[in-house]
Amino acid sequence: MVSDSVPDAVNRAREQAAAAMASAATAWLSSLDNDQSSLAAWASPRDPAAETERLRWFYTPTDHGGLAIRDQSAHQQGLAMQLVASGLSTEGFATVAMVMGLENILDQLEGWRSSLGRQRGRDPGLYWLRLFGSPGDRVWAWRFGGHHISLNNVIIAGRVIATTPCFIGADPARTELLGGSLRPLQGVEDAAHELVRTLRTDQFQRALLHPSVVSDIVSGNRPQVCHGDTMIHMQNLWRKPFADPALDELVNDIDRQAEAGSGYTEADHARVAITVPPNGINARNLDEEQRRLLRRLLGRYTGRAPREIAAIHDANLDSVLDEVHFAWAGSTGEGEPHYYRVQGPGILVEYHQSQRNGNHAHSVWRDLRSDFGLNELASPH
């Protein structure tokens, strides 16, 4: 909440991050012509129609809403990416940039045949940037998204208030290079495997949600996550239905195959549903080394944010770690299909890897109390 009771150091950190975002956003907006501005600049979150659009977010290769990178000049693209970078740590920005570039590799893997109803189905230029309100407004926000990326930031009274939902995926999750490999989500995958390998049999049984992996993250692209939420099927993760019946059937078929592969029934989906309080093993039931590994795993998610914002999240995690739960579904073998969830006060992270024979990963960082800054926006202050 934006409040004078917040420590001065925290307010200064939020203000510093907001100033960097405002500077980058102003420069980008100033470079746009009228037609581009109509796509890029929308009304403040205080406007009901704009707010409805702001809360719609995606991680599929659908229209995310805004001005696409490919529809900007080279100069404008550079300014757009400066705004994106202002909302991320150096490491976070590098990860996002790599994920965007993976669209070229994915296009090749699919034989250059994917269309998705557009000129090029896998297009690294189809990432959209949109502002809601303007820098200098008391309340403004910005969103950047495309296939496997969704970044959402809210600024109130000159302070960054929310940086979630923050989604980063990777397809392929592992790409062989000359003399090595590229794994954009290596940090959040390996840190979880390191933790789960330390669990004793009784601890793992507490952590286990299901012996088989669910076919996607469970929270999906909901604006808010609530108790009892179950996985959203692929057909419902797009901005609108496909006009081409063949594409519509393709998405249905992919979902059917994924469900058949998981073997899940409605009862299975209910078993891995989001719950409040959380399922899984409580950090209180972990030893000190396991708690350190859990804390490091969470830091790989909060570390996506700008350094000064990540430090705020990290300090909060230290104070609530005893309420955090770690949960797992699927195999614990390296490179095999699996899903995990870490949930506690103010944080939910999910990681899923089963599609494309275990070489397609989704990860998301959320705040059950205030995704999109909704808690603070509802405050009378």
Protein backbone atom coordinates (compact mmCIF):
# COMPACT_ATOMS: atom_id res chain seq x y z
CA MET A 1 0.00 0.00 0.00
CA VAL A 2 1.21 3.52 -0.73
CA SER A 3 1.57 4.89 2.77
CA ASP A 4 3.70 7.28 4.81
CA SER A 5 4.17 4.39 7.26
CA VAL A 6 6.33 2.56 4.71
CA PRO A 7 10.03 2.89 5.61
CA ASP A 8 11.79 5.76 3.82
CA ALA A 9 14.32 3.40 2.23
CA VAL A 10 11.54 1.36 0.65
CA ASN A 11 9.80 4.47 -0.67
CA ARG A 12 13.08 5.76 -2.12
CA ALA A 13 13.68 2.43 -3.84
CA ARG A 14 10.20 2.43 -5.35
CA GLU A 15 10.62 6.04 -6.45
CA GLN A 16 13.99 5.33 -8.06
CA ALA A 17 12.54 2.47 -10.10
CA ALA A 18 9.50 4.56 -11.07
CA ALA A 19 11.68 7.45 -12.23
CA ALA A 20 13.62 5.16 -14.56
CA MET A 21 10.38 3.78 -16.00
CA ALA A 22 8.88 7.26 -16.42
CA SER A 23 11.94 8.56 -18.24
CA ALA A 24 12.00 5.61 -20.65
CA ALA A 25 8.23 5.70 -21.21
CA THR A 26 8.26 9.43 -21.95
CA ALA A 27 11.04 9.06 -24.51
CA TRP A 28 9.24 6.19 -26.25
CA LEU A 29 5.86 7.94 -26.32
CA SER A 30 7.44 11.10 -27.72
CA SER A 31 8.80 9.16 -30.68
CA LEU A 32 5.42 7.81 -31.83
CA ASP A 33 3.12 9.22 -34.49
CA ASN A 34 -0.62 9.58 -33.96
CA ASP A 35 -1.54 6.16 -35.36
CA GLN A 36 1.07 4.45 -33.21
CA SER A 37 0.01 6.40 -30.14
CA SER A 38 -3.58 5.22 -30.50
CA LEU A 39 -2.33 1.66 -30.02
CA ALA A 40 0.36 2.41 -27.47
CA ALA A 41 -1.22 4.92 -25.09
CA TRP A 42 -4.49 4.12 -23.36
CA ALA A 43 -6.39 5.75 -20.54
CA SER A 44 -5.38 5.45 -16.89
CA PRO A 45 -6.25 2.35 -14.85
CA ARG A 46 -8.89 4.54 -13.23
CA ASP A 47 -10.85 4.29 -16.52
CA PRO A 48 -13.09 1.19 -16.42
CA ALA A 49 -12.64 0.23 -20.08
CA ALA A 50 -8.87 0.66 -19.90
CA GLU A 51 -8.73 -1.29 -16.66
CA THR A 52 -10.62 -4.20 -18.19
CA GLU A 53 -8.03 -4.34 -20.96
CA ARG A 54 -5.10 -3.93 -18.55
CA LEU A 55 -6.17 -6.99 -16.60
CA ARG A 56 -6.24 -9.14 -19.74
CA TRP A 57 -2.88 -10.79 -20.08
CA PHE A 58 -1.58 -13.73 -22.07
CA TYR A 59 1.42 -15.96 -22.57
CA THR A 60 0.26 -17.65 -25.77
CA PRO A 61 1.21 -16.32 -29.24
CA THR A 62 -1.93 -14.22 -29.44
CA ASP A 63 -2.42 -10.45 -29.77
CA HIS A 64 -1.38 -9.08 -26.38
CA GLY A 65 -2.64 -5.58 -27.14
CA GLY A 66 -0.55 -2.48 -27.78
CA LEU A 67 2.02 -1.43 -30.36
CA ALA A 68 4.04 -4.34 -31.73
CA ILE A 69 7.82 -4.13 -31.92
CA ARG A 70 7.73 -4.97 -35.64
CA ASP A 71 5.50 -1.93 -36.31
CA GLN A 72 8.08 0.52 -34.99
CA SER A 73 11.15 2.09 -36.54
CA ALA A 74 14.56 0.89 -35.42
CA HIS A 75 14.91 3.98 -33.22
CA GLN A 76 11.50 3.42 -31.66
CA GLN A 77 12.30 -0.24 -31.05
CA GLY A 78 15.40 0.78 -29.14
CA LEU A 79 13.37 3.17 -26.99
CA ALA A 80 10.73 0.47 -26.39
CA MET A 81 13.36 -1.99 -25.22
CA GLN A 82 14.79 0.64 -22.88
CA LEU A 83 11.38 0.80 -21.20
CA VAL A 84 11.24 -3.00 -20.99
CA ALA A 85 14.72 -3.04 -19.45
CA SER A 86 13.69 -0.44 -16.86
CA GLY A 87 11.21 -2.95 -15.46
CA LEU A 88 13.74 -5.76 -15.11
CA SER A 89 17.07 -6.56 -13.54
CA THR A 90 20.02 -6.88 -15.90
CA GLU A 91 19.65 -10.66 -15.70
CA GLY A 92 15.90 -10.46 -16.14
CA PHE A 93 16.22 -8.36 -19.28
CA ALA A 94 18.78 -10.77 -20.74
CA THR A 95 16.37 -13.65 -20.13
CA VAL A 96 13.45 -11.83 -21.76
CA ALA A 97 15.59 -10.90 -24.78
CA MET A 98 16.64 -14.53 -25.20
CA VAL A 99 13.05 -15.75 -25.02
CA MET A 100 12.05 -13.31 -27.76
CA GLY A 101 14.87 -14.61 -29.93
CA LEU A 102 13.73 -18.20 -29.41
CA GLU A 103 10.84 -17.51 -31.78
CA ASN A 104 13.30 -17.91 -34.66
CA ILE A 105 14.49 -21.26 -33.32
CA LEU A 106 10.93 -22.43 -32.70
CA ASP A 107 10.00 -21.46 -36.26
CA GLN A 108 12.77 -23.71 -37.56
CA LEU A 109 11.79 -26.57 -35.22
CA GLU A 110 8.27 -26.43 -36.63
CA GLY A 111 9.55 -26.50 -40.20
CA TRP A 112 8.71 -22.82 -40.81
CA ARG A 113 5.07 -23.89 -41.21
CA SER A 114 3.34 -22.31 -38.22
CA SER A 115 0.98 -19.51 -39.21
CA LEU A 116 -1.46 -19.01 -36.32
CA GLY A 117 -3.61 -16.97 -38.68
CA ARG A 118 -0.94 -14.36 -39.42
CA GLN A 119 1.88 -13.83 -41.90
CA ARG A 120 4.43 -15.46 -39.61
CA GLY A 121 3.30 -17.61 -36.73
CA ARG A 122 6.56 -17.43 -34.81
CA ASP A 123 7.65 -13.82 -35.04
CA PRO A 124 10.18 -12.15 -32.69
CA GLY A 125 8.66 -8.81 -33.71
CA LEU A 126 5.25 -9.70 -32.30
CA TYR A 127 5.75 -8.43 -28.79
CA TRP A 128 3.45 -5.61 -27.78
CA LEU A 129 3.98 -2.61 -25.52
CA ARG A 130 1.15 -0.52 -24.08
CA LEU A 131 0.85 2.22 -21.46
CA PHE A 132 -2.21 2.89 -19.33
CA GLY A 133 -2.13 6.54 -18.34
CA SER A 134 0.97 8.70 -18.70
CA PRO A 135 4.14 9.19 -16.67
CA GLY A 136 3.32 12.01 -14.28
CA ASP A 137 -0.22 10.76 -13.62
CA ARG A 138 -0.83 9.69 -10.03
CA VAL A 139 -1.67 6.23 -11.36
CA TRP A 140 -0.20 4.77 -14.51
CA ALA A 141 0.89 1.35 -15.68
CA TRP A 142 2.59 -0.40 -18.55
CA ARG A 143 2.55 -3.87 -20.04
CA PHE A 144 4.89 -5.74 -22.35
CA GLY A 145 3.99 -9.13 -23.74
CA GLY A 146 4.07 -11.68 -26.51
CA HIS A 147 4.66 -15.40 -26.77
CA HIS A 148 6.03 -16.57 -23.41
CA ILE A 149 6.45 -13.05 -22.01
CA SER A 150 4.12 -10.94 -19.90
CA LEU A 151 5.45 -8.06 -17.80
CA ASN A 152 3.04 -5.89 -15.83
CA ASN A 153 4.06 -2.81 -13.82
CA VAL A 154 2.00 -0.30 -11.85
CA ILE A 155 3.14 3.09 -10.57
CA ILE A 156 1.17 5.03 -7.95
CA ALA A 157 2.22 8.43 -6.59
CA GLY A 158 5.63 8.14 -8.24
CA ARG A 159 6.39 4.71 -6.77
CA VAL A 160 6.50 1.27 -8.36
CA ILE A 161 3.80 -0.66 -6.53
CA ALA A 162 3.41 -3.90 -8.47
CA THR A 163 5.57 -5.95 -10.83
CA THR A 164 3.30 -8.98 -11.19
CA PRO A 165 2.03 -11.03 -12.94
CA CYS A 166 5.46 -11.71 -14.39
CA PHE A 167 5.51 -14.61 -16.83
CA ILE A 168 8.56 -15.98 -18.66
CA GLY A 169 8.47 -19.19 -20.70
CA ALA A 170 10.85 -20.89 -23.10
CA ASP A 171 10.24 -23.07 -26.16
CA PRO A 172 12.56 -24.81 -26.60
CA ALA A 173 13.60 -24.81 -22.95
CA ARG A 174 17.00 -26.16 -23.99
CA THR A 175 18.75 -25.34 -27.25
CA GLU A 176 22.05 -26.88 -28.24
CA LEU A 177 24.72 -24.39 -29.21
CA LEU A 178 28.21 -24.78 -30.60
CA GLY A 179 30.08 -25.97 -27.53
CA GLY A 180 27.23 -25.63 -25.07
CA SER A 181 23.51 -25.10 -24.58
CA LEU A 182 21.03 -22.27 -24.02
CA ARG A 183 18.54 -22.64 -21.15
CA PRO A 184 16.78 -19.33 -20.38
CA LEU A 185 14.98 -20.80 -17.35
CA GLN A 186 17.90 -22.86 -16.09
CA GLY A 187 18.02 -20.98 -12.79
CA VAL A 188 14.45 -21.67 -11.68
CA GLU A 189 14.54 -25.27 -12.95
CA ASP A 190 17.85 -26.28 -11.42
CA ALA A 191 17.25 -24.54 -8.08
CA ALA A 192 13.99 -26.45 -7.63
CA HIS A 193 15.63 -29.77 -8.54
CA GLU A 194 18.41 -29.10 -6.06
CA LEU A 195 15.82 -28.54 -3.34
CA VAL A 196 13.63 -31.51 -4.16
CA ARG A 197 16.65 -33.86 -4.17
CA THR A 198 17.31 -32.98 -0.52
CA LEU A 199 13.83 -33.96 0.66
CA ARG A 200 13.55 -37.09 2.75
CA THR A 201 10.84 -39.59 1.79
CA ASP A 202 8.43 -38.26 4.40
CA GLN A 203 9.11 -34.66 3.35
CA PHE A 204 8.60 -35.46 -0.31
CA GLN A 205 5.26 -37.09 0.46
CA ARG A 206 4.14 -33.86 2.11
CA ALA A 207 5.31 -31.87 -0.92
CA LEU A 208 3.78 -34.17 -3.53
CA LEU A 209 0.62 -32.81 -5.14
CA HIS A 210 0.33 -35.57 -7.73
CA PRO A 211 2.63 -38.31 -9.11
CA SER A 212 1.88 -37.16 -12.67
CA VAL A 213 2.48 -33.71 -14.10
CA VAL A 214 -0.40 -31.38 -14.91
CA SER A 215 -0.32 -30.13 -18.51
CA ASP A 216 0.27 -26.41 -17.73
CA ILE A 217 0.65 -23.94 -14.88
CA VAL A 218 -2.50 -23.92 -12.77
CA SER A 219 -3.07 -20.19 -12.26
CA GLY A 220 -3.19 -19.61 -16.02
CA ASN A 221 -3.77 -16.03 -17.15
CA ARG A 222 -6.41 -15.10 -14.60
CA PRO A 223 -6.41 -11.47 -13.44
CA GLN A 224 -6.61 -12.75 -9.87
CA VAL A 225 -5.92 -16.17 -8.40
CA CYS A 226 -8.34 -17.60 -5.85
CA HIS A 227 -8.79 -20.69 -3.71
CA GLY A 228 -9.96 -23.64 -5.79
CA ASP A 229 -8.71 -22.38 -9.16
CA THR A 230 -7.81 -25.22 -11.52
CA MET A 231 -5.82 -25.27 -14.76
CA ILE A 232 -7.21 -23.25 -17.66
CA HIS A 233 -7.33 -25.26 -20.87
CA MET A 234 -5.43 -23.99 -23.88
CA GLN A 235 -8.53 -22.99 -25.86
CA ASN A 236 -9.21 -20.28 -23.26
CA LEU A 237 -5.73 -18.74 -23.24
CA TRP A 238 -6.17 -16.65 -26.42
CA ARG A 239 -7.52 -13.16 -26.91
CA LYS A 240 -10.26 -14.38 -29.23
CA PRO A 241 -11.27 -17.55 -31.10
CA PHE A 242 -9.55 -18.27 -34.38
CA ALA A 243 -11.50 -17.32 -37.48
CA ASP A 244 -10.02 -20.34 -39.26
CA PRO A 245 -11.77 -23.54 -38.09
CA ALA A 246 -8.60 -25.51 -38.85
CA LEU A 247 -6.58 -23.42 -36.40
CA ASP A 248 -9.31 -23.72 -33.81
CA GLU A 249 -9.24 -27.48 -34.20
CA LEU A 250 -5.43 -27.49 -33.98
CA VAL A 251 -5.54 -25.81 -30.56
CA ASN A 252 -8.26 -28.22 -29.43
CA ASP A 253 -6.15 -31.14 -30.58
CA ILE A 254 -3.06 -29.90 -28.77
CA ASP A 255 -5.09 -29.60 -25.58
CA ARG A 256 -6.58 -33.08 -26.02
CA GLN A 257 -3.14 -34.59 -26.55
CA ALA A 258 -1.77 -32.79 -23.51
CA GLU A 259 -4.63 -34.00 -21.34
CA ALA A 260 -4.29 -37.55 -22.63
CA GLY A 261 -0.57 -37.43 -21.90
CA SER A 262 -1.14 -36.26 -18.34
CA GLY A 263 -3.96 -38.74 -17.74
CA TYR A 264 -5.72 -36.11 -15.64
CA THR A 265 -9.42 -36.24 -14.85
CA GLU A 266 -11.44 -33.47 -13.21
CA ALA A 267 -10.59 -35.07 -9.87
CA ASP A 268 -6.88 -34.90 -10.67
CA HIS A 269 -7.15 -31.23 -11.61
CA ALA A 270 -8.96 -30.59 -8.32
CA ARG A 271 -6.11 -32.32 -6.51
CA VAL A 272 -3.54 -29.83 -7.85
CA ALA A 273 -5.81 -26.76 -7.58
CA ILE A 274 -4.57 -23.56 -6.00
CA THR A 275 -5.57 -23.58 -2.34
CA VAL A 276 -5.56 -21.09 0.51
CA PRO A 277 -3.91 -22.08 2.81
CA PRO A 278 -1.39 -23.69 0.45
CA ASN A 279 -0.76 -27.36 -0.13
CA GLY A 280 2.74 -28.78 -0.01
CA ILE A 281 5.42 -28.92 2.65
CA ASN A 282 5.72 -25.93 4.97
CA ALA A 283 9.13 -24.30 5.23
CA ARG A 284 8.91 -24.87 8.98
CA ASN A 285 9.30 -28.56 8.24
CA LEU A 286 12.53 -28.05 6.29
CA ASP A 287 16.02 -28.07 7.75
CA GLU A 288 18.26 -25.04 7.51
CA GLU A 289 19.95 -26.11 4.28
CA GLN A 290 16.59 -26.85 2.65
CA ARG A 291 15.27 -23.46 3.77
CA ARG A 292 18.31 -21.83 2.22
CA LEU A 293 17.62 -23.63 -1.06
CA LEU A 294 13.94 -22.63 -0.96
CA ARG A 295 14.92 -19.04 -0.29
CA ARG A 296 17.37 -19.12 -3.21
CA LEU A 297 14.69 -20.53 -5.50
CA LEU A 298 12.32 -17.68 -4.64
CA GLY A 299 15.12 -15.20 -5.22
CA ARG A 300 15.43 -16.45 -8.80
CA TYR A 301 11.88 -15.15 -9.35
CA THR A 302 12.01 -11.90 -7.39
CA GLY A 303 15.37 -11.28 -9.03
CA ARG A 304 13.56 -10.59 -12.30
CA ALA A 305 12.56 -7.18 -10.95
CA PRO A 306 14.83 -4.12 -10.94
CA ARG A 307 17.49 -4.50 -8.26
CA GLU A 308 15.94 -2.00 -5.85
CA ILE A 309 12.48 -3.61 -6.16
CA ALA A 310 13.88 -7.13 -5.85
CA ALA A 311 15.52 -6.10 -2.57
CA ILE A 312 12.11 -5.09 -1.18
CA HIS A 313 10.59 -8.41 -2.17
CA ASP A 314 13.53 -10.30 -0.74
CA ALA A 315 13.25 -8.55 2.62
CA ASN A 316 9.57 -9.42 2.76
CA LEU A 317 10.31 -13.07 1.95
CA ASP A 318 12.73 -13.27 4.85
CA SER A 319 9.93 -12.20 7.19
CA VAL A 320 7.31 -14.68 5.91
CA LEU A 321 9.39 -17.74 5.00
CA ASP A 322 7.81 -19.82 7.77
CA GLU A 323 4.46 -19.49 5.98
CA VAL A 324 5.79 -20.56 2.57
CA HIS A 325 4.91 -23.98 1.11
CA PHE A 326 6.72 -25.97 -1.58
CA ALA A 327 4.74 -28.43 -3.74
CA TRP A 328 5.67 -30.79 -6.58
CA ALA A 329 3.96 -32.91 -9.26
CA GLY A 330 5.48 -35.33 -11.75
CA SER A 331 8.94 -36.78 -12.01
CA THR A 332 12.00 -35.59 -10.10
CA GLY A 333 14.38 -36.79 -12.82
CA GLU A 334 16.47 -34.24 -14.69
CA GLY A 335 14.79 -33.18 -17.93
CA GLU A 336 11.63 -35.17 -17.21
CA PRO A 337 8.12 -33.65 -17.06
CA HIS A 338 7.44 -31.89 -13.78
CA TYR A 339 5.60 -29.03 -12.10
CA TYR A 340 6.26 -27.16 -8.88
CA ARG A 341 4.62 -24.39 -6.90
CA VAL A 342 5.86 -22.17 -4.11
CA GLN A 343 3.17 -20.24 -2.28
CA GLY A 344 3.05 -18.02 0.77
CA PRO A 345 1.92 -14.57 1.92
CA GLY A 346 2.27 -12.21 -1.02
CA ILE A 347 3.85 -14.72 -3.39
CA LEU A 348 2.94 -17.52 -5.76
CA VAL A 349 5.40 -19.01 -8.22
CA GLU A 350 4.73 -21.86 -10.61
CA TYR A 351 6.97 -23.76 -12.99
CA HIS A 352 5.82 -26.29 -15.55
CA GLN A 353 7.78 -28.38 -18.04
CA SER A 354 6.14 -31.24 -19.93
CA GLN A 355 5.17 -30.08 -23.41
CA ARG A 356 7.34 -30.86 -26.46
CA ASN A 357 8.74 -33.95 -24.69
CA GLY A 358 9.78 -31.93 -21.68
CA ASN A 359 11.52 -29.21 -23.69
CA HIS A 360 8.96 -26.41 -23.29
CA ALA A 361 8.78 -24.51 -20.00
CA HIS A 362 6.43 -22.01 -18.36
CA SER A 363 7.20 -20.00 -15.23
CA VAL A 364 5.20 -17.31 -13.48
CA TRP A 365 5.63 -15.05 -10.45
CA ARG A 366 2.45 -13.64 -8.92
CA ASP A 367 1.18 -11.87 -5.80
CA LEU A 368 -2.10 -13.34 -4.56
CA ARG A 369 -2.85 -10.15 -2.64
CA SER A 370 -1.97 -7.53 -5.20
CA ASP A 371 -1.31 -8.63 -8.76
CA PHE A 372 -1.68 -5.57 -11.02
CA GLY A 373 -1.59 -3.38 -7.90
CA LEU A 374 -5.28 -4.12 -7.35
CA ASN A 375 -5.06 -4.03 -3.56
CA GLU A 376 -3.41 -0.61 -3.62
CA LEU A 377 -5.75 0.72 -6.29
CA ALA A 378 -8.71 -0.24 -4.11
CA SER A 379 -7.28 1.70 -1.18
CA PRO A 380 -8.80 5.12 -0.43
CA HIS A 381 -5.31 6.58 0.10
